[in-house]
Amino acid sequence: MEITKKHTSSDAVAYGNVYVMTHSFFSDVVRIGCTPTDPIEYAITLSAKTLGDYTVVFSLQCKNPCKVKKQIRQYLNAKAYVNDFYQIPTDVAAGILKRVALRIPVSSTD
């Protein structure tokens, strides 16, 4: 499966996944993003390009996943570490993701 650059750069993804990932080198930092493909496959692709491994700790399949991500970024602005990375516990990130997704139409939940 080919992964394209539109994973986190496009708000035009009509259907896909919003996810919370951790990285093996940064235990207290999570990555929140969106992808039109399977988030586990995306984590594998990211891991192949970097030192260490990414692990998906939570994902949600929904409509407009990048809009969900954008709303989460607004909530977490003060917790921003760098780009799509935030210094918050994974369970807090997953809770925020679920809450925001309830406001934007979701097709299915975990």
PDB file of N, CA and C in Angstrom:
ATOM      1  N   MET A   1       0.840  -1.173   0.000  1.00  0.00           N
ATOM      2  CA  MET A   1       0.000   0.000   0.000  1.00  0.00           C
ATOM      3  C   MET A   1       0.886   1.237   0.000  1.00  0.00           C
ATOM      4  N   GLU A   2       0.654   2.125  -0.930  1.00  0.00           N
ATOM      5  CA  GLU A   2       1.463   3.336  -1.038  1.00  0.00           C
ATOM      6  C   GLU A   2       0.891   4.429  -0.142  1.00  0.00           C
ATOM      7  N   ILE A   3       1.759   5.050   0.627  1.00  0.00           N
ATOM      8  CA  ILE A   3       1.367   6.136   1.506  1.00  0.00           C
ATOM      9  C   ILE A   3       1.741   7.449   0.822  1.00  0.00           C
ATOM     10  N   THR A   4       0.805   8.363   0.753  1.00  0.00           N
ATOM     11  CA  THR A   4       1.066   9.628   0.077  1.00  0.00           C
ATOM     12  C   THR A   4       1.236  10.755   1.076  1.00  0.00           C
ATOM     13  N   LYS A   5       1.653  11.916   0.582  1.00  0.00           N
ATOM     14  CA  LYS A   5       1.885  13.068   1.432  1.00  0.00           C
ATOM     15  C   LYS A   5       0.606  13.657   2.002  1.00  0.00           C
ATOM     16  N   LYS A   6      -0.557  13.258   1.503  1.00  0.00           N
ATOM     17  CA  LYS A   6      -1.794  13.874   1.956  1.00  0.00           C
ATOM     18  C   LYS A   6      -2.251  13.423   3.339  1.00  0.00           C
ATOM     19  N   HIS A   7      -1.457  12.613   4.029  1.00  0.00           N
ATOM     20  CA  HIS A   7      -1.845  12.117   5.346  1.00  0.00           C
ATOM     21  C   HIS A   7      -2.136  13.231   6.329  1.00  0.00           C
ATOM     22  N   THR A   8      -1.263  14.211   6.420  1.00  0.00           N
ATOM     23  CA  THR A   8      -1.473  15.254   7.406  1.00  0.00           C
ATOM     24  C   THR A   8      -1.538  16.635   6.788  1.00  0.00           C
ATOM     25  N   SER A   9      -1.370  16.732   5.476  1.00  0.00           N
ATOM     26  CA  SER A   9      -1.301  18.046   4.867  1.00  0.00           C
ATOM     27  C   SER A   9      -2.608  18.490   4.206  1.00  0.00           C
ATOM     28  N   SER A  10      -3.605  17.641   4.131  1.00  0.00           N
ATOM     29  CA  SER A  10      -4.816  17.997   3.396  1.00  0.00           C
ATOM     30  C   SER A  10      -6.046  17.940   4.288  1.00  0.00           C
ATOM     31  N   ASP A  11      -6.823  19.015   4.268  1.00  0.00           N
ATOM     32  CA  ASP A  11      -8.097  19.018   4.973  1.00  0.00           C
ATOM     33  C   ASP A  11      -9.197  18.417   4.110  1.00  0.00           C
ATOM     34  N   ALA A  12      -8.873  18.007   2.898  1.00  0.00           N
ATOM     35  CA  ALA A  12      -9.861  17.526   1.942  1.00  0.00           C
ATOM     36  C   ALA A  12     -10.130  16.024   2.041  1.00  0.00           C
ATOM     37  N   VAL A  13      -9.564  15.335   3.018  1.00  0.00           N
ATOM     38  CA  VAL A  13      -9.803  13.907   3.174  1.00  0.00           C
ATOM     39  C   VAL A  13     -11.239  13.733   3.671  1.00  0.00           C
ATOM     40  N   ALA A  14     -12.097  13.181   2.825  1.00  0.00           N
ATOM     41  CA  ALA A  14     -13.514  13.062   3.153  1.00  0.00           C
ATOM     42  C   ALA A  14     -13.783  11.922   4.134  1.00  0.00           C
ATOM     43  N   TYR A  15     -12.982  10.883   4.072  1.00  0.00           N
ATOM     44  CA  TYR A  15     -13.203   9.706   4.908  1.00  0.00           C
ATOM     45  C   TYR A  15     -11.852   9.080   5.224  1.00  0.00           C
ATOM     46  N   GLY A  16     -11.625   8.724   6.466  1.00  0.00           N
ATOM     47  CA  GLY A  16     -10.357   8.109   6.837  1.00  0.00           C
ATOM     48  C   GLY A  16     -10.271   7.894   8.328  1.00  0.00           C
ATOM     49  N   ASN A  17      -9.086   8.077   8.868  1.00  0.00           N
ATOM     50  CA  ASN A  17      -8.836   7.807  10.275  1.00  0.00           C
ATOM     51  C   ASN A  17      -8.124   8.969  10.936  1.00  0.00           C
ATOM     52  N   VAL A  18      -8.480   9.220  12.171  1.00  0.00           N
ATOM     53  CA  VAL A  18      -7.728  10.134  13.016  1.00  0.00           C
ATOM     54  C   VAL A  18      -7.111   9.239  14.091  1.00  0.00           C
ATOM     55  N   TYR A  19      -5.866   9.514  14.479  1.00  0.00           N
ATOM     56  CA  TYR A  19      -5.145   8.574  15.334  1.00  0.00           C
ATOM     57  C   TYR A  19      -4.322   9.277  16.409  1.00  0.00           C
ATOM     58  N   VAL A  20      -3.966   8.484  17.425  1.00  0.00           N
ATOM     59  CA  VAL A  20      -2.999   8.878  18.446  1.00  0.00           C
ATOM     60  C   VAL A  20      -1.898   7.830  18.385  1.00  0.00           C
ATOM     61  N   MET A  21      -0.660   8.291  18.177  1.00  0.00           N
ATOM     62  CA  MET A  21       0.496   7.393  18.123  1.00  0.00           C
ATOM     63  C   MET A  21       1.511   7.791  19.181  1.00  0.00           C
ATOM     64  N   THR A  22       2.289   6.813  19.595  1.00  0.00           N
ATOM     65  CA  THR A  22       3.446   7.084  20.442  1.00  0.00           C
ATOM     66  C   THR A  22       4.691   6.668  19.674  1.00  0.00           C
ATOM     67  N   HIS A  23       5.828   7.156  20.124  1.00  0.00           N
ATOM     68  CA  HIS A  23       7.106   6.789  19.527  1.00  0.00           C
ATOM     69  C   HIS A  23       7.967   6.166  20.613  1.00  0.00           C
ATOM     70  N   SER A  24       8.718   5.161  20.249  1.00  0.00           N
ATOM     71  CA  SER A  24       9.512   4.423  21.236  1.00  0.00           C
ATOM     72  C   SER A  24      10.561   5.286  21.943  1.00  0.00           C
ATOM     73  N   PHE A  25      10.989   6.377  21.367  1.00  0.00           N
ATOM     74  CA  PHE A  25      11.996   7.238  21.991  1.00  0.00           C
ATOM     75  C   PHE A  25      11.404   8.316  22.896  1.00  0.00           C
ATOM     76  N   PHE A  26      10.107   8.589  22.760  1.00  0.00           N
ATOM     77  CA  PHE A  26       9.479   9.689  23.494  1.00  0.00           C
ATOM     78  C   PHE A  26       8.236   9.184  24.219  1.00  0.00           C
ATOM     79  N   SER A  27       8.401   8.691  25.418  1.00  0.00           N
ATOM     80  CA  SER A  27       7.296   8.066  26.133  1.00  0.00           C
ATOM     81  C   SER A  27       6.221   9.051  26.590  1.00  0.00           C
ATOM     82  N   ASP A  28       6.574  10.316  26.759  1.00  0.00           N
ATOM     83  CA  ASP A  28       5.601  11.292  27.261  1.00  0.00           C
ATOM     84  C   ASP A  28       5.029  12.195  26.170  1.00  0.00           C
ATOM     85  N   VAL A  29       5.252  11.846  24.905  1.00  0.00           N
ATOM     86  CA  VAL A  29       4.791  12.668  23.788  1.00  0.00           C
ATOM     87  C   VAL A  29       3.957  11.791  22.852  1.00  0.00           C
ATOM     88  N   VAL A  30       2.818  12.332  22.393  1.00  0.00           N
ATOM     89  CA  VAL A  30       1.984  11.600  21.437  1.00  0.00           C
ATOM     90  C   VAL A  30       1.908  12.376  20.134  1.00  0.00           C
ATOM     91  N   ARG A  31       1.639  11.654  19.084  1.00  0.00           N
ATOM     92  CA  ARG A  31       1.413  12.263  17.772  1.00  0.00           C
ATOM     93  C   ARG A  31      -0.060  12.090  17.447  1.00  0.00           C
ATOM     94  N   ILE A  32      -0.713  13.173  17.052  1.00  0.00           N
ATOM     95  CA  ILE A  32      -2.116  13.127  16.660  1.00  0.00           C
ATOM     96  C   ILE A  32      -2.185  13.546  15.194  1.00  0.00           C
ATOM     97  N   GLY A  33      -2.836  12.725  14.390  1.00  0.00           N
ATOM     98  CA  GLY A  33      -2.890  13.035  12.973  1.00  0.00           C
ATOM     99  C   GLY A  33      -4.073  12.385  12.289  1.00  0.00           C
ATOM    100  N   CYS A  34      -4.123  12.562  10.969  1.00  0.00           N
ATOM    101  CA  CYS A  34      -5.178  11.971  10.164  1.00  0.00           C
ATOM    102  C   CYS A  34      -4.559  11.292   8.950  1.00  0.00           C
ATOM    103  N   THR A  35      -5.241  10.281   8.456  1.00  0.00           N
ATOM    104  CA  THR A  35      -4.775   9.551   7.292  1.00  0.00           C
ATOM    105  C   THR A  35      -5.969   8.934   6.566  1.00  0.00           C
ATOM    106  N   PRO A  36      -5.938   8.905   5.236  1.00  0.00           N
ATOM    107  CA  PRO A  36      -7.009   8.244   4.502  1.00  0.00           C
ATOM    108  C   PRO A  36      -6.833   6.722   4.479  1.00  0.00           C
ATOM    109  N   THR A  37      -5.703   6.229   4.968  1.00  0.00           N
ATOM    110  CA  THR A  37      -5.415   4.797   4.948  1.00  0.00           C
ATOM    111  C   THR A  37      -5.443   4.232   6.374  1.00  0.00           C
ATOM    112  N   ASP A  38      -5.143   2.973   6.495  1.00  0.00           N
ATOM    113  CA  ASP A  38      -5.102   2.297   7.784  1.00  0.00           C
ATOM    114  C   ASP A  38      -3.997   2.901   8.661  1.00  0.00           C
ATOM    115  N   PRO A  39      -4.301   3.358   9.874  1.00  0.00           N
ATOM    116  CA  PRO A  39      -3.293   4.003  10.704  1.00  0.00           C
ATOM    117  C   PRO A  39      -2.152   3.067  11.137  1.00  0.00           C
ATOM    118  N   ILE A  40      -2.430   1.795  11.257  1.00  0.00           N
ATOM    119  CA  ILE A  40      -1.368   0.851  11.621  1.00  0.00           C
ATOM    120  C   ILE A  40      -0.361   0.730  10.481  1.00  0.00           C
ATOM    121  N   GLU A  41      -0.867   0.651   9.254  1.00  0.00           N
ATOM    122  CA  GLU A  41       0.022   0.624   8.089  1.00  0.00           C
ATOM    123  C   GLU A  41       0.826   1.921   7.995  1.00  0.00           C
ATOM    124  N   TYR A  42       0.176   3.031   8.298  1.00  0.00           N
ATOM    125  CA  TYR A  42       0.854   4.328   8.276  1.00  0.00           C
ATOM    126  C   TYR A  42       1.959   4.370   9.333  1.00  0.00           C
ATOM    127  N   ALA A  43       1.694   3.829  10.517  1.00  0.00           N
ATOM    128  CA  ALA A  43       2.707   3.782  11.577  1.00  0.00           C
ATOM    129  C   ALA A  43       3.908   2.942  11.148  1.00  0.00           C
ATOM    130  N   ILE A  44       3.648   1.845  10.474  1.00  0.00           N
ATOM    131  CA  ILE A  44       4.736   0.988   9.972  1.00  0.00           C
ATOM    132  C   ILE A  44       5.579   1.748   8.956  1.00  0.00           C
ATOM    133  N   THR A  45       4.911   2.481   8.065  1.00  0.00           N
ATOM    134  CA  THR A  45       5.621   3.274   7.061  1.00  0.00           C
ATOM    135  C   THR A  45       6.471   4.364   7.714  1.00  0.00           C
ATOM    136  N   LEU A  46       5.907   5.055   8.705  1.00  0.00           N
ATOM    137  CA  LEU A  46       6.674   6.082   9.424  1.00  0.00           C
ATOM    138  C   LEU A  46       7.876   5.473  10.152  1.00  0.00           C
ATOM    139  N   SER A  47       7.667   4.334  10.771  1.00  0.00           N
ATOM    140  CA  SER A  47       8.733   3.668  11.512  1.00  0.00           C
ATOM    141  C   SER A  47       9.889   3.262  10.604  1.00  0.00           C
ATOM    142  N   ALA A  48       9.566   2.887   9.373  1.00  0.00           N
ATOM    143  CA  ALA A  48      10.592   2.490   8.411  1.00  0.00           C
ATOM    144  C   ALA A  48      11.470   3.668   8.007  1.00  0.00           C
ATOM    145  N   LYS A  49      10.958   4.890   8.151  1.00  0.00           N
ATOM    146  CA  LYS A  49      11.688   6.087   7.728  1.00  0.00           C
ATOM    147  C   LYS A  49      12.451   6.764   8.865  1.00  0.00           C
ATOM    148  N   THR A  50      12.281   6.290  10.097  1.00  0.00           N
ATOM    149  CA  THR A  50      12.910   6.941  11.245  1.00  0.00           C
ATOM    150  C   THR A  50      13.564   5.915  12.156  1.00  0.00           C
ATOM    151  N   LEU A  51      14.374   6.405  13.074  1.00  0.00           N
ATOM    152  CA  LEU A  51      14.878   5.546  14.136  1.00  0.00           C
ATOM    153  C   LEU A  51      13.745   5.332  15.125  1.00  0.00           C
ATOM    154  N   GLY A  52      13.659   4.159  15.703  1.00  0.00           N
ATOM    155  CA  GLY A  52      12.586   3.868  16.645  1.00  0.00           C
ATOM    156  C   GLY A  52      11.307   3.475  15.932  1.00  0.00           C
ATOM    157  N   ASP A  53      10.289   3.199  16.742  1.00  0.00           N
ATOM    158  CA  ASP A  53       9.027   2.707  16.194  1.00  0.00           C
ATOM    159  C   ASP A  53       7.845   3.538  16.660  1.00  0.00           C
ATOM    160  N   TYR A  54       6.897   3.742  15.748  1.00  0.00           N
ATOM    161  CA  TYR A  54       5.620   4.362  16.078  1.00  0.00           C
ATOM    162  C   TYR A  54       4.623   3.257  16.398  1.00  0.00           C
ATOM    163  N   THR A  55       3.753   3.514  17.369  1.00  0.00           N
ATOM    164  CA  THR A  55       2.706   2.575  17.743  1.00  0.00           C
ATOM    165  C   THR A  55       1.386   3.321  17.830  1.00  0.00           C
ATOM    166  N   VAL A  56       0.354   2.787  17.187  1.00  0.00           N
ATOM    167  CA  VAL A  56      -0.977   3.390  17.253  1.00  0.00           C
ATOM    168  C   VAL A  56      -1.603   2.948  18.576  1.00  0.00           C
ATOM    169  N   VAL A  57      -1.970   3.916  19.420  1.00  0.00           N
ATOM    170  CA  VAL A  57      -2.607   3.597  20.698  1.00  0.00           C
ATOM    171  C   VAL A  57      -4.121   3.803  20.641  1.00  0.00           C
ATOM    172  N   PHE A  58      -4.574   4.600  19.676  1.00  0.00           N
ATOM    173  CA  PHE A  58      -6.005   4.801  19.489  1.00  0.00           C
ATOM    174  C   PHE A  58      -6.231   5.333  18.084  1.00  0.00           C
ATOM    175  N   SER A  59      -7.300   4.853  17.440  1.00  0.00           N
ATOM    176  CA  SER A  59      -7.683   5.407  16.143  1.00  0.00           C
ATOM    177  C   SER A  59      -9.192   5.362  16.020  1.00  0.00           C
ATOM    178  N   LEU A  60      -9.697   6.233  15.196  1.00  0.00           N
ATOM    179  CA  LEU A  60     -11.129   6.328  14.985  1.00  0.00           C
ATOM    180  C   LEU A  60     -11.375   6.573  13.507  1.00  0.00           C
ATOM    181  N   GLN A  61     -12.181   5.716  12.899  1.00  0.00           N
ATOM    182  CA  GLN A  61     -12.544   5.873  11.494  1.00  0.00           C
ATOM    183  C   GLN A  61     -13.710   6.846  11.422  1.00  0.00           C
ATOM    184  N   CYS A  62     -13.574   7.865  10.585  1.00  0.00           N
ATOM    185  CA  CYS A  62     -14.624   8.889  10.561  1.00  0.00           C
ATOM    186  C   CYS A  62     -14.627   9.661   9.252  1.00  0.00           C
ATOM    187  N   LYS A  63     -15.672  10.463   9.087  1.00  0.00           N
ATOM    188  CA  LYS A  63     -15.733  11.424   7.993  1.00  0.00           C
ATOM    189  C   LYS A  63     -14.902  12.625   8.416  1.00  0.00           C
ATOM    190  N   ASN A  64     -14.263  13.259   7.466  1.00  0.00           N
ATOM    191  CA  ASN A  64     -13.489  14.473   7.708  1.00  0.00           C
ATOM    192  C   ASN A  64     -12.452  14.337   8.828  1.00  0.00           C
ATOM    193  N   PRO A  65     -11.590  13.321   8.780  1.00  0.00           N
ATOM    194  CA  PRO A  65     -10.643  13.107   9.877  1.00  0.00           C
ATOM    195  C   PRO A  65      -9.677  14.276  10.088  1.00  0.00           C
ATOM    196  N   CYS A  66      -9.341  14.980   9.029  1.00  0.00           N
ATOM    197  CA  CYS A  66      -8.411  16.105   9.190  1.00  0.00           C
ATOM    198  C   CYS A  66      -9.087  17.298   9.858  1.00  0.00           C
ATOM    199  N   LYS A  67     -10.404  17.409   9.728  1.00  0.00           N
ATOM    200  CA  LYS A  67     -11.130  18.445  10.461  1.00  0.00           C
ATOM    201  C   LYS A  67     -11.143  18.118  11.952  1.00  0.00           C
ATOM    202  N   VAL A  68     -11.279  16.832  12.280  1.00  0.00           N
ATOM    203  CA  VAL A  68     -11.209  16.399  13.682  1.00  0.00           C
ATOM    204  C   VAL A  68      -9.828  16.731  14.237  1.00  0.00           C
ATOM    205  N   LYS A  69      -8.789  16.387  13.477  1.00  0.00           N
ATOM    206  CA  LYS A  69      -7.418  16.680  13.907  1.00  0.00           C
ATOM    207  C   LYS A  69      -7.214  18.177  14.111  1.00  0.00           C
ATOM    208  N   LYS A  70      -7.735  18.982  13.199  1.00  0.00           N
ATOM    209  CA  LYS A  70      -7.575  20.432  13.291  1.00  0.00           C
ATOM    210  C   LYS A  70      -8.234  20.977  14.559  1.00  0.00           C
ATOM    211  N   GLN A  71      -9.405  20.464  14.895  1.00  0.00           N
ATOM    212  CA  GLN A  71     -10.092  20.889  16.114  1.00  0.00           C
ATOM    213  C   GLN A  71      -9.303  20.480  17.356  1.00  0.00           C
ATOM    214  N   ILE A  72      -8.743  19.283  17.338  1.00  0.00           N
ATOM    215  CA  ILE A  72      -7.931  18.807  18.466  1.00  0.00           C
ATOM    216  C   ILE A  72      -6.700  19.693  18.630  1.00  0.00           C
ATOM    217  N   ARG A  73      -6.087  20.085  17.525  1.00  0.00           N
ATOM    218  CA  ARG A  73      -4.918  20.974  17.592  1.00  0.00           C
ATOM    219  C   ARG A  73      -5.262  22.284  18.286  1.00  0.00           C
ATOM    220  N   GLN A  74      -6.466  22.804  18.055  1.00  0.00           N
ATOM    221  CA  GLN A  74      -6.877  24.036  18.728  1.00  0.00           C
ATOM    222  C   GLN A  74      -6.984  23.829  20.235  1.00  0.00           C
ATOM    223  N   TYR A  75      -7.543  22.699  20.659  1.00  0.00           N
ATOM    224  CA  TYR A  75      -7.657  22.400  22.089  1.00  0.00           C
ATOM    225  C   TYR A  75      -6.292  22.233  22.742  1.00  0.00           C
ATOM    226  N   LEU A  76      -5.370  21.627  22.008  1.00  0.00           N
ATOM    227  CA  LEU A  76      -4.071  21.268  22.593  1.00  0.00           C
ATOM    228  C   LEU A  76      -2.963  22.265  22.299  1.00  0.00           C
ATOM    229  N   ASN A  77      -3.292  23.423  21.818  1.00  0.00           N
ATOM    230  CA  ASN A  77      -2.281  24.406  21.454  1.00  0.00           C
ATOM    231  C   ASN A  77      -1.261  24.639  22.568  1.00  0.00           C
ATOM    232  N   ALA A  78      -1.704  24.726  23.797  1.00  0.00           N
ATOM    233  CA  ALA A  78      -0.796  24.974  24.923  1.00  0.00           C
ATOM    234  C   ALA A  78       0.088  23.772  25.237  1.00  0.00           C
ATOM    235  N   LYS A  79      -0.338  22.594  24.822  1.00  0.00           N
ATOM    236  CA  LYS A  79       0.419  21.368  25.088  1.00  0.00           C
ATOM    237  C   LYS A  79       1.327  20.987  23.922  1.00  0.00           C
ATOM    238  N   ALA A  80       1.367  21.820  22.890  1.00  0.00           N
ATOM    239  CA  ALA A  80       2.123  21.497  21.683  1.00  0.00           C
ATOM    240  C   ALA A  80       3.599  21.301  21.992  1.00  0.00           C
ATOM    241  N   TYR A  81       4.150  20.238  21.454  1.00  0.00           N
ATOM    242  CA  TYR A  81       5.560  19.932  21.594  1.00  0.00           C
ATOM    243  C   TYR A  81       6.266  20.405  20.330  1.00  0.00           C
ATOM    244  N   VAL A  82       5.871  19.860  19.187  1.00  0.00           N
ATOM    245  CA  VAL A  82       6.326  20.304  17.874  1.00  0.00           C
ATOM    246  C   VAL A  82       5.406  19.680  16.821  1.00  0.00           C
ATOM    247  N   ASN A  83       4.962  20.475  15.858  1.00  0.00           N
ATOM    248  CA  ASN A  83       4.074  20.028  14.778  1.00  0.00           C
ATOM    249  C   ASN A  83       2.878  19.232  15.305  1.00  0.00           C
ATOM    250  N   ASP A  84       2.758  17.947  14.962  1.00  0.00           N
ATOM    251  CA  ASP A  84       1.627  17.115  15.379  1.00  0.00           C
ATOM    252  C   ASP A  84       1.897  16.352  16.663  1.00  0.00           C
ATOM    253  N   PHE A  85       2.900  16.747  17.420  1.00  0.00           N
ATOM    254  CA  PHE A  85       3.269  16.068  18.654  1.00  0.00           C
ATOM    255  C   PHE A  85       2.852  16.896  19.864  1.00  0.00           C
ATOM    256  N   TYR A  86       2.336  16.206  20.892  1.00  0.00           N
ATOM    257  CA  TYR A  86       1.833  16.879  22.085  1.00  0.00           C
ATOM    258  C   TYR A  86       2.312  16.150  23.333  1.00  0.00           C
ATOM    259  N   GLN A  87       2.597  16.901  24.367  1.00  0.00           N
ATOM    260  CA  GLN A  87       3.077  16.325  25.614  1.00  0.00           C
ATOM    261  C   GLN A  87       1.892  16.143  26.568  1.00  0.00           C
ATOM    262  N   ILE A  88       1.122  15.081  26.311  1.00  0.00           N
ATOM    263  CA  ILE A  88      -0.026  14.727  27.138  1.00  0.00           C
ATOM    264  C   ILE A  88      -0.101  13.209  27.237  1.00  0.00           C
ATOM    265  N   PRO A  89      -0.760  12.680  28.283  1.00  0.00           N
ATOM    266  CA  PRO A  89      -0.937  11.225  28.388  1.00  0.00           C
ATOM    267  C   PRO A  89      -1.795  10.682  27.242  1.00  0.00           C
ATOM    268  N   THR A  90      -1.539   9.457  26.836  1.00  0.00           N
ATOM    269  CA  THR A  90      -2.268   8.859  25.711  1.00  0.00           C
ATOM    270  C   THR A  90      -3.759   8.753  25.987  1.00  0.00           C
ATOM    271  N   ASP A  91      -4.161   8.443  27.226  1.00  0.00           N
ATOM    272  CA  ASP A  91      -5.587   8.318  27.522  1.00  0.00           C
ATOM    273  C   ASP A  91      -6.307   9.665  27.432  1.00  0.00           C
ATOM    274  N   VAL A  92      -5.617  10.743  27.776  1.00  0.00           N
ATOM    275  CA  VAL A  92      -6.197  12.080  27.640  1.00  0.00           C
ATOM    276  C   VAL A  92      -6.368  12.415  26.158  1.00  0.00           C
ATOM    277  N   ALA A  93      -5.363  12.115  25.352  1.00  0.00           N
ATOM    278  CA  ALA A  93      -5.446  12.370  23.909  1.00  0.00           C
ATOM    279  C   ALA A  93      -6.590  11.578  23.289  1.00  0.00           C
ATOM    280  N   ALA A  94      -6.726  10.312  23.657  1.00  0.00           N
ATOM    281  CA  ALA A  94      -7.806   9.484  23.121  1.00  0.00           C
ATOM    282  C   ALA A  94      -9.173  10.029  23.538  1.00  0.00           C
ATOM    283  N   GLY A  95      -9.297  10.482  24.772  1.00  0.00           N
ATOM    284  CA  GLY A  95     -10.555  11.057  25.247  1.00  0.00           C
ATOM    285  C   GLY A  95     -10.941  12.310  24.484  1.00  0.00           C
ATOM    286  N   ILE A  96      -9.967  13.176  24.244  1.00  0.00           N
ATOM    287  CA  ILE A  96     -10.236  14.396  23.475  1.00  0.00           C
ATOM    288  C   ILE A  96     -10.640  14.043  22.053  1.00  0.00           C
ATOM    289  N   LEU A  97      -9.951  13.079  21.457  1.00  0.00           N
ATOM    290  CA  LEU A  97     -10.277  12.653  20.095  1.00  0.00           C
ATOM    291  C   LEU A  97     -11.717  12.156  20.017  1.00  0.00           C
ATOM    292  N   LYS A  98     -12.132  11.333  20.971  1.00  0.00           N
ATOM    293  CA  LYS A  98     -13.508  10.823  20.983  1.00  0.00           C
ATOM    294  C   LYS A  98     -14.511  11.959  21.124  1.00  0.00           C
ATOM    295  N   ARG A  99     -14.238  12.888  22.030  1.00  0.00           N
ATOM    296  CA  ARG A  99     -15.152  13.993  22.287  1.00  0.00           C
ATOM    297  C   ARG A  99     -15.296  14.894  21.054  1.00  0.00           C
ATOM    298  N   VAL A 100     -14.184  15.213  20.414  1.00  0.00           N
ATOM    299  CA  VAL A 100     -14.220  16.065  19.223  1.00  0.00           C
ATOM    300  C   VAL A 100     -14.930  15.349  18.075  1.00  0.00           C
ATOM    301  N   ALA A 101     -14.680  14.057  17.928  1.00  0.00           N
ATOM    302  CA  ALA A 101     -15.297  13.299  16.839  1.00  0.00           C
ATOM    303  C   ALA A 101     -16.815  13.245  16.987  1.00  0.00           C
ATOM    304  N   LEU A 102     -17.319  13.352  18.209  1.00  0.00           N
ATOM    305  CA  LEU A 102     -18.775  13.358  18.404  1.00  0.00           C
ATOM    306  C   LEU A 102     -19.415  14.604  17.816  1.00  0.00           C
ATOM    307  N   ARG A 103     -18.645  15.670  17.705  1.00  0.00           N
ATOM    308  CA  ARG A 103     -19.167  16.920  17.149  1.00  0.00           C
ATOM    309  C   ARG A 103     -19.108  16.939  15.629  1.00  0.00           C
ATOM    310  N   ILE A 104     -18.259  16.096  15.042  1.00  0.00           N
ATOM    311  CA  ILE A 104     -18.093  15.990  13.594  1.00  0.00           C
ATOM    312  C   ILE A 104     -18.594  14.598  13.203  1.00  0.00           C
ATOM    313  N   PRO A 105     -19.415  14.426  12.182  1.00  0.00           N
ATOM    314  CA  PRO A 105     -19.995  13.119  11.860  1.00  0.00           C
ATOM    315  C   PRO A 105     -18.973  11.990  11.781  1.00  0.00           C
ATOM    316  N   VAL A 106     -19.219  10.934  12.531  1.00  0.00           N
ATOM    317  CA  VAL A 106     -18.349   9.762  12.600  1.00  0.00           C
ATOM    318  C   VAL A 106     -19.066   8.577  12.006  1.00  0.00           C
ATOM    319  N   SER A 107     -18.351   7.760  11.217  1.00  0.00           N
ATOM    320  CA  SER A 107     -18.996   6.631  10.574  1.00  0.00           C
ATOM    321  C   SER A 107     -19.020   5.376  11.444  1.00  0.00           C
ATOM    322  N   SER A 108     -17.972   5.203  12.273  1.00  0.00           N
ATOM    323  CA  SER A 108     -17.927   4.054  13.177  1.00  0.00           C
ATOM    324  C   SER A 108     -16.982   4.374  14.313  1.00  0.00           C
ATOM    325  N   THR A 109     -17.113   3.659  15.429  1.00  0.00           N
ATOM    326  CA  THR A 109     -16.246   3.885  16.579  1.00  0.00           C
ATOM    327  C   THR A 109     -15.633   2.585  17.046  1.00  0.00           C
ATOM    328  N   ASP A 110     -14.558   2.709  17.835  1.00  0.00           N
ATOM    329  CA  ASP A 110     -13.917   1.520  18.425  1.00  0.00           C
ATOM    330  C   ASP A 110     -14.711   1.007  19.596  1.00  0.00           C
TER     331      ASP A 110
END
